[in-house]
Amino acid sequence: MPPFPARPLPLPAVYGRDMVAQAFAAAIGETLAPVEERVDGLDAVLDPWRAPPAFLDWLIAITDARVEPGWDEIRRRKAIDLAPRLAAYRGTPYGLRLEAREILGWTDDMLVIDDPGLVFTDDDLPPGAGRMLTVTLTAPPDTDQRALESRLTRLVAAHCPAHLPFKVVVTLAQASDGRSPQG
């Protein structure tokens, strides 16, 4: 038995009794069996949740998923899965919130986006201080504020419209005992 099950090529009824045509169709079917097996398994390679880990870098490249160094395998798979939706909403507050929620686990109540939404051209003056995208993240008191600022800056830079300057602010929430994060 061949390593791959051969699928005989279907022939028109007129060749039903032609032994040469039948043998030729069987030989072609046997030759194509390994190729068909690979093509049948292609969906498992293209699915970010079933693909072998070795294929993740390739999937990241072809989907243009935004992945940061140090992300674990699950977060990378989420980024690949989310890439088509993010491409549709790139440059919008919705896209920024979507990635923050799905990839980084930041809820909508943690993230405040102040988006002036104004567009200007080369003929216009650059945006004034009031025309700046400001994204504020309120994080738990026991987190590293500098690391969060860096992560938030990369996220906002990926989603901020090209015409708009931005700034990020990370504030630490009050501790449950009412003390300030520094105390």
N, C-alpha and C. Protein backbone atom coordinates (compact mmCIF):
# COMPACT_ATOMS: atom_id res chain seq x y z
N MET A 1 0.85 -1.18 0.00
CA MET A 1 0.00 0.00 0.00
C MET A 1 0.89 1.24 0.00
N PRO A 2 0.58 2.23 -0.87
CA PRO A 2 1.40 3.45 -0.91
C PRO A 2 1.24 4.23 0.39
N PRO A 3 2.22 5.10 0.71
CA PRO A 3 2.13 5.85 1.96
C PRO A 3 0.92 6.78 2.01
N PHE A 4 0.47 7.25 0.88
CA PHE A 4 -0.71 8.10 0.80
C PHE A 4 -1.78 7.36 0.03
N PRO A 5 -3.02 7.38 0.50
CA PRO A 5 -4.07 6.67 -0.25
C PRO A 5 -4.32 7.35 -1.60
N ALA A 6 -4.24 6.57 -2.64
CA ALA A 6 -4.44 7.11 -3.99
C ALA A 6 -5.92 7.32 -4.24
N ARG A 7 -6.20 8.44 -4.87
CA ARG A 7 -7.58 8.73 -5.27
C ARG A 7 -7.64 8.58 -6.79
N PRO A 8 -8.32 7.57 -7.27
CA PRO A 8 -8.38 7.42 -8.72
C PRO A 8 -9.11 8.60 -9.34
N LEU A 9 -8.57 9.06 -10.46
CA LEU A 9 -9.21 10.18 -11.15
C LEU A 9 -10.52 9.72 -11.76
N PRO A 10 -11.57 10.48 -11.59
CA PRO A 10 -12.84 10.08 -12.22
C PRO A 10 -12.74 10.25 -13.74
N LEU A 11 -13.22 9.27 -14.43
CA LEU A 11 -13.18 9.29 -15.89
C LEU A 11 -14.60 9.33 -16.44
N PRO A 12 -14.77 9.91 -17.61
CA PRO A 12 -16.10 9.85 -18.24
C PRO A 12 -16.51 8.39 -18.49
N ALA A 13 -17.78 8.17 -18.55
CA ALA A 13 -18.32 6.81 -18.70
C ALA A 13 -17.80 6.11 -19.94
N VAL A 14 -17.47 6.86 -20.96
CA VAL A 14 -17.00 6.26 -22.20
C VAL A 14 -15.69 5.48 -21.99
N TYR A 15 -14.90 5.84 -20.96
CA TYR A 15 -13.65 5.14 -20.68
C TYR A 15 -13.81 4.08 -19.59
N GLY A 16 -15.04 3.77 -19.23
CA GLY A 16 -15.31 2.83 -18.16
C GLY A 16 -14.74 1.45 -18.40
N ARG A 17 -14.58 1.02 -19.64
CA ARG A 17 -14.07 -0.32 -19.93
C ARG A 17 -12.68 -0.29 -20.56
N ASP A 18 -12.11 0.88 -20.70
CA ASP A 18 -10.78 1.01 -21.30
C ASP A 18 -9.74 0.80 -20.20
N MET A 19 -9.06 -0.34 -20.21
CA MET A 19 -8.11 -0.70 -19.17
C MET A 19 -6.88 0.21 -19.18
N VAL A 20 -6.46 0.70 -20.35
CA VAL A 20 -5.30 1.59 -20.44
C VAL A 20 -5.65 2.94 -19.78
N ALA A 21 -6.81 3.47 -20.09
CA ALA A 21 -7.24 4.74 -19.50
C ALA A 21 -7.42 4.58 -17.99
N GLN A 22 -7.96 3.45 -17.55
CA GLN A 22 -8.14 3.20 -16.13
C GLN A 22 -6.78 3.13 -15.42
N ALA A 23 -5.82 2.45 -16.02
CA ALA A 23 -4.48 2.33 -15.42
C ALA A 23 -3.80 3.70 -15.39
N PHE A 24 -3.96 4.47 -16.46
CA PHE A 24 -3.36 5.81 -16.52
C PHE A 24 -3.96 6.71 -15.42
N ALA A 25 -5.28 6.68 -15.27
CA ALA A 25 -5.95 7.48 -14.24
C ALA A 25 -5.50 7.05 -12.85
N ALA A 26 -5.32 5.76 -12.64
CA ALA A 26 -4.86 5.28 -11.33
C ALA A 26 -3.43 5.74 -11.06
N ALA A 27 -2.58 5.72 -12.08
CA ALA A 27 -1.19 6.16 -11.91
C ALA A 27 -1.13 7.65 -11.59
N ILE A 28 -1.93 8.44 -12.30
CA ILE A 28 -1.97 9.88 -12.02
C ILE A 28 -2.50 10.12 -10.61
N GLY A 29 -3.53 9.40 -10.22
CA GLY A 29 -4.08 9.54 -8.87
C GLY A 29 -3.05 9.20 -7.81
N GLU A 30 -2.26 8.17 -8.04
CA GLU A 30 -1.22 7.78 -7.09
C GLU A 30 -0.11 8.83 -7.03
N THR A 31 0.20 9.42 -8.17
CA THR A 31 1.24 10.45 -8.22
C THR A 31 0.79 11.71 -7.49
N LEU A 32 -0.46 12.08 -7.61
CA LEU A 32 -0.98 13.30 -7.00
C LEU A 32 -1.38 13.15 -5.53
N ALA A 33 -1.44 11.92 -5.03
CA ALA A 33 -1.89 11.69 -3.66
C ALA A 33 -1.09 12.47 -2.62
N PRO A 34 0.26 12.47 -2.68
CA PRO A 34 0.99 13.25 -1.66
C PRO A 34 0.71 14.75 -1.74
N VAL A 35 0.55 15.26 -2.95
CA VAL A 35 0.26 16.69 -3.12
C VAL A 35 -1.12 17.01 -2.56
N GLU A 36 -2.08 16.18 -2.86
CA GLU A 36 -3.43 16.39 -2.35
C GLU A 36 -3.47 16.30 -0.83
N GLU A 37 -2.67 15.41 -0.28
CA GLU A 37 -2.59 15.27 1.18
C GLU A 37 -2.07 16.58 1.80
N ARG A 38 -1.05 17.15 1.19
CA ARG A 38 -0.49 18.42 1.69
C ARG A 38 -1.50 19.55 1.56
N VAL A 39 -2.16 19.63 0.44
CA VAL A 39 -3.15 20.69 0.22
C VAL A 39 -4.32 20.52 1.19
N ASP A 40 -4.73 19.30 1.44
CA ASP A 40 -5.82 19.06 2.39
C ASP A 40 -5.44 19.50 3.81
N GLY A 41 -4.15 19.44 4.16
CA GLY A 41 -3.70 19.84 5.48
C GLY A 41 -3.28 21.29 5.59
N LEU A 42 -3.43 22.05 4.51
CA LEU A 42 -2.97 23.43 4.51
C LEU A 42 -3.76 24.31 5.48
N ASP A 43 -5.02 24.02 5.66
CA ASP A 43 -5.81 24.84 6.58
C ASP A 43 -5.28 24.78 8.00
N ALA A 44 -4.69 23.65 8.38
CA ALA A 44 -4.11 23.54 9.73
C ALA A 44 -2.87 24.41 9.88
N VAL A 45 -2.17 24.65 8.80
CA VAL A 45 -0.97 25.50 8.85
C VAL A 45 -1.36 26.98 8.87
N LEU A 46 -2.46 27.32 8.21
CA LEU A 46 -2.88 28.71 8.12
C LEU A 46 -3.74 29.17 9.29
N ASP A 47 -4.22 28.25 10.08
CA ASP A 47 -5.03 28.59 11.25
C ASP A 47 -4.09 28.93 12.40
N PRO A 48 -4.16 30.15 12.94
CA PRO A 48 -3.21 30.53 13.99
C PRO A 48 -3.32 29.68 15.25
N TRP A 49 -4.44 29.03 15.48
CA TRP A 49 -4.61 28.23 16.69
C TRP A 49 -4.20 26.78 16.49
N ARG A 50 -4.06 26.32 15.24
CA ARG A 50 -3.65 24.93 14.99
C ARG A 50 -2.28 24.83 14.35
N ALA A 51 -1.72 25.94 13.90
CA ALA A 51 -0.42 25.91 13.22
C ALA A 51 0.68 25.49 14.19
N PRO A 52 1.65 24.73 13.69
CA PRO A 52 2.80 24.39 14.54
C PRO A 52 3.55 25.67 14.93
N PRO A 53 4.17 25.70 16.09
CA PRO A 53 4.89 26.89 16.52
C PRO A 53 5.94 27.38 15.52
N ALA A 54 6.51 26.46 14.76
CA ALA A 54 7.52 26.85 13.77
C ALA A 54 6.95 27.73 12.66
N PHE A 55 5.65 27.69 12.45
CA PHE A 55 5.02 28.48 11.39
C PHE A 55 4.56 29.86 11.86
N LEU A 56 4.64 30.14 13.15
CA LEU A 56 4.10 31.40 13.67
C LEU A 56 4.80 32.62 13.09
N ASP A 57 6.13 32.58 12.97
CA ASP A 57 6.84 33.74 12.40
C ASP A 57 6.39 34.00 10.97
N TRP A 58 6.18 32.93 10.21
CA TRP A 58 5.72 33.09 8.84
C TRP A 58 4.30 33.67 8.81
N LEU A 59 3.42 33.19 9.68
CA LEU A 59 2.06 33.72 9.74
C LEU A 59 2.07 35.19 10.18
N ILE A 60 2.95 35.55 11.08
CA ILE A 60 3.07 36.94 11.50
C ILE A 60 3.47 37.81 10.31
N ALA A 61 4.39 37.32 9.50
CA ALA A 61 4.84 38.08 8.34
C ALA A 61 3.74 38.24 7.29
N ILE A 62 3.01 37.17 7.00
CA ILE A 62 2.02 37.29 5.93
C ILE A 62 0.75 38.01 6.36
N THR A 63 0.46 38.03 7.66
CA THR A 63 -0.73 38.74 8.14
C THR A 63 -0.40 40.15 8.60
N ASP A 64 0.88 40.47 8.69
CA ASP A 64 1.35 41.77 9.19
C ASP A 64 0.84 42.02 10.61
N ALA A 65 0.83 40.95 11.39
CA ALA A 65 0.41 41.06 12.78
C ALA A 65 1.45 41.86 13.56
N ARG A 66 0.98 42.68 14.48
CA ARG A 66 1.88 43.47 15.32
C ARG A 66 2.23 42.63 16.53
N VAL A 67 3.49 42.22 16.60
CA VAL A 67 3.97 41.36 17.68
C VAL A 67 5.22 42.01 18.25
N GLU A 68 5.31 42.00 19.57
CA GLU A 68 6.47 42.57 20.24
C GLU A 68 7.40 41.47 20.72
N PRO A 69 8.70 41.76 20.77
CA PRO A 69 9.64 40.76 21.29
C PRO A 69 9.27 40.37 22.72
N GLY A 70 9.43 39.11 23.03
CA GLY A 70 9.14 38.65 24.38
C GLY A 70 7.71 38.16 24.58
N TRP A 71 6.86 38.32 23.57
CA TRP A 71 5.50 37.82 23.73
C TRP A 71 5.51 36.30 23.71
N ASP A 72 4.68 35.70 24.56
CA ASP A 72 4.58 34.25 24.59
C ASP A 72 3.79 33.75 23.38
N GLU A 73 3.75 32.44 23.23
CA GLU A 73 3.11 31.83 22.05
C GLU A 73 1.62 32.16 21.97
N ILE A 74 0.92 32.16 23.08
CA ILE A 74 -0.52 32.43 23.08
C ILE A 74 -0.79 33.86 22.60
N ARG A 75 -0.03 34.81 23.11
CA ARG A 75 -0.22 36.21 22.71
C ARG A 75 0.11 36.40 21.23
N ARG A 76 1.13 35.69 20.74
CA ARG A 76 1.48 35.77 19.31
C ARG A 76 0.35 35.19 18.46
N ARG A 77 -0.23 34.08 18.91
CA ARG A 77 -1.35 33.48 18.16
C ARG A 77 -2.56 34.43 18.16
N LYS A 78 -2.82 35.08 19.30
CA LYS A 78 -3.91 36.05 19.35
C LYS A 78 -3.67 37.19 18.37
N ALA A 79 -2.43 37.67 18.30
CA ALA A 79 -2.10 38.77 17.39
C ALA A 79 -2.32 38.37 15.93
N ILE A 80 -1.95 37.15 15.58
CA ILE A 80 -2.16 36.66 14.21
C ILE A 80 -3.65 36.56 13.92
N ASP A 81 -4.40 36.02 14.86
CA ASP A 81 -5.84 35.87 14.69
C ASP A 81 -6.53 37.22 14.56
N LEU A 82 -6.04 38.21 15.27
CA LEU A 82 -6.66 39.54 15.29
C LEU A 82 -6.21 40.44 14.14
N ALA A 83 -5.13 40.08 13.47
CA ALA A 83 -4.53 40.95 12.44
C ALA A 83 -5.50 41.41 11.34
N PRO A 84 -6.34 40.55 10.77
CA PRO A 84 -7.26 41.04 9.73
C PRO A 84 -8.24 42.10 10.25
N ARG A 85 -8.77 41.90 11.46
CA ARG A 85 -9.70 42.89 12.02
C ARG A 85 -8.97 44.19 12.33
N LEU A 86 -7.75 44.09 12.85
CA LEU A 86 -6.99 45.30 13.16
C LEU A 86 -6.63 46.07 11.90
N ALA A 87 -6.38 45.36 10.80
CA ALA A 87 -6.06 46.04 9.54
C ALA A 87 -7.23 46.90 9.09
N ALA A 88 -8.43 46.44 9.34
CA ALA A 88 -9.61 47.20 8.94
C ALA A 88 -9.81 48.44 9.80
N TYR A 89 -9.33 48.42 11.03
CA TYR A 89 -9.56 49.53 11.95
C TYR A 89 -8.28 50.25 12.36
N ARG A 90 -7.20 50.04 11.61
CA ARG A 90 -5.93 50.71 11.93
C ARG A 90 -6.11 52.22 11.87
N GLY A 91 -5.59 52.92 12.84
CA GLY A 91 -5.69 54.38 12.86
C GLY A 91 -6.95 54.90 13.50
N THR A 92 -7.71 54.02 14.15
CA THR A 92 -8.96 54.46 14.79
C THR A 92 -8.90 54.13 16.28
N PRO A 93 -9.65 54.88 17.07
CA PRO A 93 -9.71 54.54 18.50
C PRO A 93 -10.24 53.12 18.73
N TYR A 94 -11.16 52.68 17.87
CA TYR A 94 -11.70 51.33 18.01
C TYR A 94 -10.58 50.29 17.84
N GLY A 95 -9.72 50.46 16.84
CA GLY A 95 -8.62 49.53 16.62
C GLY A 95 -7.66 49.50 17.79
N LEU A 96 -7.37 50.68 18.33
CA LEU A 96 -6.49 50.78 19.49
C LEU A 96 -7.10 50.04 20.68
N ARG A 97 -8.37 50.29 20.94
CA ARG A 97 -9.05 49.62 22.06
C ARG A 97 -9.12 48.11 21.84
N LEU A 98 -9.39 47.70 20.60
CA LEU A 98 -9.51 46.29 20.29
C LEU A 98 -8.21 45.55 20.60
N GLU A 99 -7.09 46.09 20.14
CA GLU A 99 -5.81 45.43 20.42
C GLU A 99 -5.48 45.48 21.91
N ALA A 100 -5.74 46.60 22.55
CA ALA A 100 -5.46 46.72 23.98
C ALA A 100 -6.26 45.69 24.78
N ARG A 101 -7.51 45.49 24.40
CA ARG A 101 -8.37 44.55 25.12
C ARG A 101 -8.01 43.09 24.81
N GLU A 102 -7.88 42.77 23.53
CA GLU A 102 -7.70 41.37 23.12
C GLU A 102 -6.28 40.86 23.35
N ILE A 103 -5.29 41.68 23.14
CA ILE A 103 -3.90 41.22 23.24
C ILE A 103 -3.30 41.53 24.61
N LEU A 104 -3.50 42.75 25.09
CA LEU A 104 -2.85 43.16 26.33
C LEU A 104 -3.72 42.97 27.57
N GLY A 105 -5.01 42.73 27.37
CA GLY A 105 -5.91 42.50 28.50
C GLY A 105 -6.33 43.76 29.23
N TRP A 106 -6.17 44.92 28.58
CA TRP A 106 -6.58 46.18 29.21
C TRP A 106 -8.04 46.42 28.89
N THR A 107 -8.86 46.55 29.91
CA THR A 107 -10.29 46.75 29.71
C THR A 107 -10.57 48.19 29.28
N ASP A 108 -11.77 48.40 28.76
CA ASP A 108 -12.14 49.73 28.27
C ASP A 108 -12.17 50.77 29.39
N ASP A 109 -12.45 50.35 30.62
CA ASP A 109 -12.46 51.32 31.71
C ASP A 109 -11.05 51.69 32.17
N MET A 110 -10.05 50.91 31.79
CA MET A 110 -8.66 51.24 32.13
C MET A 110 -8.06 52.24 31.14
N LEU A 111 -8.60 52.30 29.94
CA LEU A 111 -8.01 53.07 28.85
C LEU A 111 -8.93 54.23 28.46
N VAL A 112 -8.42 55.45 28.53
CA VAL A 112 -9.18 56.63 28.12
C VAL A 112 -8.48 57.22 26.91
N ILE A 113 -9.23 57.39 25.83
CA ILE A 113 -8.66 57.93 24.59
C ILE A 113 -9.31 59.27 24.31
N ASP A 114 -8.50 60.31 24.32
CA ASP A 114 -8.97 61.65 23.97
C ASP A 114 -8.51 61.91 22.55
N ASP A 115 -9.42 61.76 21.59
CA ASP A 115 -9.09 61.84 20.16
C ASP A 115 -9.76 63.06 19.56
N PRO A 116 -8.99 64.10 19.21
CA PRO A 116 -9.61 65.28 18.61
C PRO A 116 -10.15 64.99 17.21
N GLY A 117 -9.63 64.00 16.52
CA GLY A 117 -10.16 63.56 15.24
C GLY A 117 -10.11 64.58 14.12
N LEU A 118 -9.25 65.55 14.21
CA LEU A 118 -9.16 66.57 13.17
C LEU A 118 -8.09 66.20 12.15
N VAL A 119 -8.36 66.43 10.89
CA VAL A 119 -7.42 66.13 9.83
C VAL A 119 -6.90 67.44 9.26
N PHE A 120 -5.61 67.50 8.99
CA PHE A 120 -5.06 68.69 8.36
C PHE A 120 -4.18 68.27 7.20
N THR A 121 -3.95 69.20 6.26
CA THR A 121 -3.12 68.92 5.09
C THR A 121 -1.83 69.71 5.19
N ASP A 122 -0.99 69.61 4.15
CA ASP A 122 0.27 70.34 4.14
C ASP A 122 0.05 71.85 4.15
N ASP A 123 -1.09 72.30 3.63
CA ASP A 123 -1.38 73.73 3.60
C ASP A 123 -1.78 74.27 4.98
N ASP A 124 -2.24 73.39 5.83
CA ASP A 124 -2.67 73.80 7.17
C ASP A 124 -1.45 73.91 8.09
N LEU A 125 -1.66 74.61 9.16
CA LEU A 125 -0.65 74.67 10.20
C LEU A 125 -0.60 73.33 10.92
N PRO A 126 0.55 72.95 11.45
CA PRO A 126 0.57 71.71 12.22
C PRO A 126 -0.39 71.80 13.40
N PRO A 127 -0.80 70.67 13.93
CA PRO A 127 -1.77 70.70 15.02
C PRO A 127 -1.23 71.44 16.23
N GLY A 128 -2.12 72.17 16.86
CA GLY A 128 -1.76 72.88 18.08
C GLY A 128 -1.74 71.92 19.25
N ALA A 129 -1.46 72.44 20.41
CA ALA A 129 -1.36 71.61 21.60
C ALA A 129 -2.68 70.91 21.90
N GLY A 130 -3.80 71.54 21.54
CA GLY A 130 -5.10 70.95 21.82
C GLY A 130 -5.48 69.87 20.84
N ARG A 131 -4.76 69.75 19.73
CA ARG A 131 -5.08 68.74 18.72
C ARG A 131 -4.11 67.57 18.84
N MET A 132 -4.08 66.98 19.97
CA MET A 132 -3.17 65.88 20.22
C MET A 132 -3.95 64.69 20.75
N LEU A 133 -3.66 63.52 20.21
CA LEU A 133 -4.26 62.30 20.72
C LEU A 133 -3.61 62.00 22.07
N THR A 134 -4.43 61.87 23.09
CA THR A 134 -3.93 61.56 24.42
C THR A 134 -4.57 60.26 24.89
N VAL A 135 -3.73 59.31 25.25
CA VAL A 135 -4.21 58.02 25.73
C VAL A 135 -3.73 57.84 27.15
N THR A 136 -4.68 57.62 28.06
CA THR A 136 -4.37 57.46 29.47
C THR A 136 -4.74 56.05 29.90
N LEU A 137 -3.79 55.39 30.54
CA LEU A 137 -4.01 54.04 31.06
C LEU A 137 -3.94 54.09 32.58
N THR A 138 -4.98 53.57 33.22
CA THR A 138 -4.97 53.45 34.68
C THR A 138 -4.68 52.00 35.00
N ALA A 139 -3.54 51.78 35.64
CA ALA A 139 -3.07 50.42 35.90
C ALA A 139 -3.15 50.10 37.39
N PRO A 140 -3.12 48.82 37.72
CA PRO A 140 -3.10 48.43 39.14
C PRO A 140 -1.87 49.02 39.84
N PRO A 141 -1.96 49.23 41.14
CA PRO A 141 -0.87 49.92 41.86
C PRO A 141 0.45 49.16 41.89
N ASP A 142 0.44 47.86 41.72
CA ASP A 142 1.67 47.08 41.85
C ASP A 142 2.36 46.80 40.52
N THR A 143 2.11 47.61 39.50
CA THR A 143 2.72 47.37 38.19
C THR A 143 3.87 48.33 37.93
N ASP A 144 4.70 47.96 36.97
CA ASP A 144 5.85 48.77 36.59
C ASP A 144 5.39 49.87 35.64
N GLN A 145 5.38 51.10 36.12
CA GLN A 145 4.84 52.21 35.35
C GLN A 145 5.66 52.48 34.09
N ARG A 146 6.97 52.41 34.17
CA ARG A 146 7.82 52.67 33.00
C ARG A 146 7.59 51.62 31.90
N ALA A 147 7.49 50.36 32.29
CA ALA A 147 7.25 49.31 31.30
C ALA A 147 5.89 49.51 30.62
N LEU A 148 4.88 49.89 31.41
CA LEU A 148 3.56 50.14 30.83
C LEU A 148 3.58 51.34 29.89
N GLU A 149 4.31 52.40 30.26
CA GLU A 149 4.41 53.57 29.37
C GLU A 149 5.05 53.18 28.05
N SER A 150 6.08 52.38 28.10
CA SER A 150 6.76 51.93 26.89
C SER A 150 5.82 51.08 26.03
N ARG A 151 5.13 50.13 26.66
CA ARG A 151 4.19 49.27 25.94
C ARG A 151 3.04 50.08 25.34
N LEU A 152 2.51 51.02 26.12
CA LEU A 152 1.41 51.87 25.64
C LEU A 152 1.87 52.77 24.51
N THR A 153 3.08 53.28 24.58
CA THR A 153 3.62 54.13 23.51
C THR A 153 3.71 53.34 22.21
N ARG A 154 4.21 52.12 22.26
CA ARG A 154 4.30 51.30 21.04
C ARG A 154 2.91 50.99 20.48
N LEU A 155 1.96 50.72 21.36
CA LEU A 155 0.59 50.43 20.91
C LEU A 155 -0.02 51.65 20.24
N VAL A 156 0.09 52.80 20.87
CA VAL A 156 -0.51 54.02 20.31
C VAL A 156 0.20 54.41 19.01
N ALA A 157 1.51 54.26 18.94
CA ALA A 157 2.23 54.58 17.71
C ALA A 157 1.75 53.71 16.55
N ALA A 158 1.39 52.48 16.82
CA ALA A 158 0.90 51.59 15.77
C ALA A 158 -0.50 51.96 15.30
N HIS A 159 -1.27 52.64 16.13
CA HIS A 159 -2.66 52.93 15.80
C HIS A 159 -2.95 54.42 15.59
N CYS A 160 -2.04 55.27 15.92
CA CYS A 160 -2.28 56.71 15.82
C CYS A 160 -2.27 57.14 14.35
N PRO A 161 -3.25 57.93 13.92
CA PRO A 161 -3.21 58.44 12.55
C PRO A 161 -1.93 59.24 12.32
N ALA A 162 -1.42 59.18 11.11
CA ALA A 162 -0.13 59.79 10.79
C ALA A 162 -0.13 61.30 11.00
N HIS A 163 -1.28 61.95 10.86
CA HIS A 163 -1.32 63.41 10.95
C HIS A 163 -1.40 63.91 12.39
N LEU A 164 -1.50 63.02 13.35
CA LEU A 164 -1.80 63.43 14.70
C LEU A 164 -0.66 63.10 15.66
N PRO A 165 -0.15 64.12 16.36
CA PRO A 165 0.82 63.80 17.41
C PRO A 165 0.09 63.15 18.59
N PHE A 166 0.83 62.44 19.42
CA PHE A 166 0.18 61.78 20.55
C PHE A 166 1.06 61.83 21.78
N LYS A 167 0.41 61.62 22.90
CA LYS A 167 1.14 61.42 24.16
C LYS A 167 0.40 60.36 24.95
N VAL A 168 1.16 59.66 25.78
CA VAL A 168 0.57 58.63 26.63
C VAL A 168 0.81 58.98 28.09
N VAL A 169 -0.14 58.60 28.92
CA VAL A 169 -0.05 58.84 30.35
C VAL A 169 -0.45 57.54 31.04
N VAL A 170 0.39 57.10 31.96
CA VAL A 170 0.07 55.92 32.75
C VAL A 170 -0.06 56.37 34.20
N THR A 171 -1.23 56.12 34.77
CA THR A 171 -1.45 56.43 36.18
C THR A 171 -1.68 55.12 36.92
N LEU A 172 -1.23 55.09 38.14
CA LEU A 172 -1.44 53.90 38.96
C LEU A 172 -2.64 54.13 39.86
N ALA A 173 -3.52 53.14 39.91
CA ALA A 173 -4.73 53.23 40.73
C ALA A 173 -4.36 53.22 42.21
N GLN A 174 -5.29 53.67 43.02
CA GLN A 174 -5.11 53.65 44.46
C GLN A 174 -5.05 52.19 44.93
N ALA A 175 -4.25 51.94 45.92
CA ALA A 175 -4.20 50.61 46.52
C ALA A 175 -5.53 50.35 47.23
N SER A 176 -5.87 49.10 47.43
CA SER A 176 -7.17 48.77 48.04
C SER A 176 -7.29 49.26 49.47
N ASP A 177 -6.16 49.51 50.14
CA ASP A 177 -6.23 50.01 51.51
C ASP A 177 -6.28 51.53 51.56
N GLY A 178 -6.37 52.17 50.40
CA GLY A 178 -6.52 53.63 50.33
C GLY A 178 -5.23 54.39 50.25
N ARG A 179 -4.07 53.68 50.37
CA ARG A 179 -2.79 54.37 50.28
C ARG A 179 -2.49 54.73 48.82
N SER A 180 -1.67 55.74 48.62
CA SER A 180 -1.25 56.08 47.27
C SER A 180 -0.23 55.06 46.80
N PRO A 181 -0.05 54.88 45.46
CA PRO A 181 0.87 53.87 44.95
C PRO A 181 2.31 54.08 45.43
N GLN A 182 2.70 55.31 45.72
CA GLN A 182 4.08 55.55 46.15
C GLN A 182 4.26 55.26 47.62
N GLY A 183 3.19 55.27 48.42
CA GLY A 183 3.32 55.15 49.87
C GLY A 183 3.09 53.83 50.34
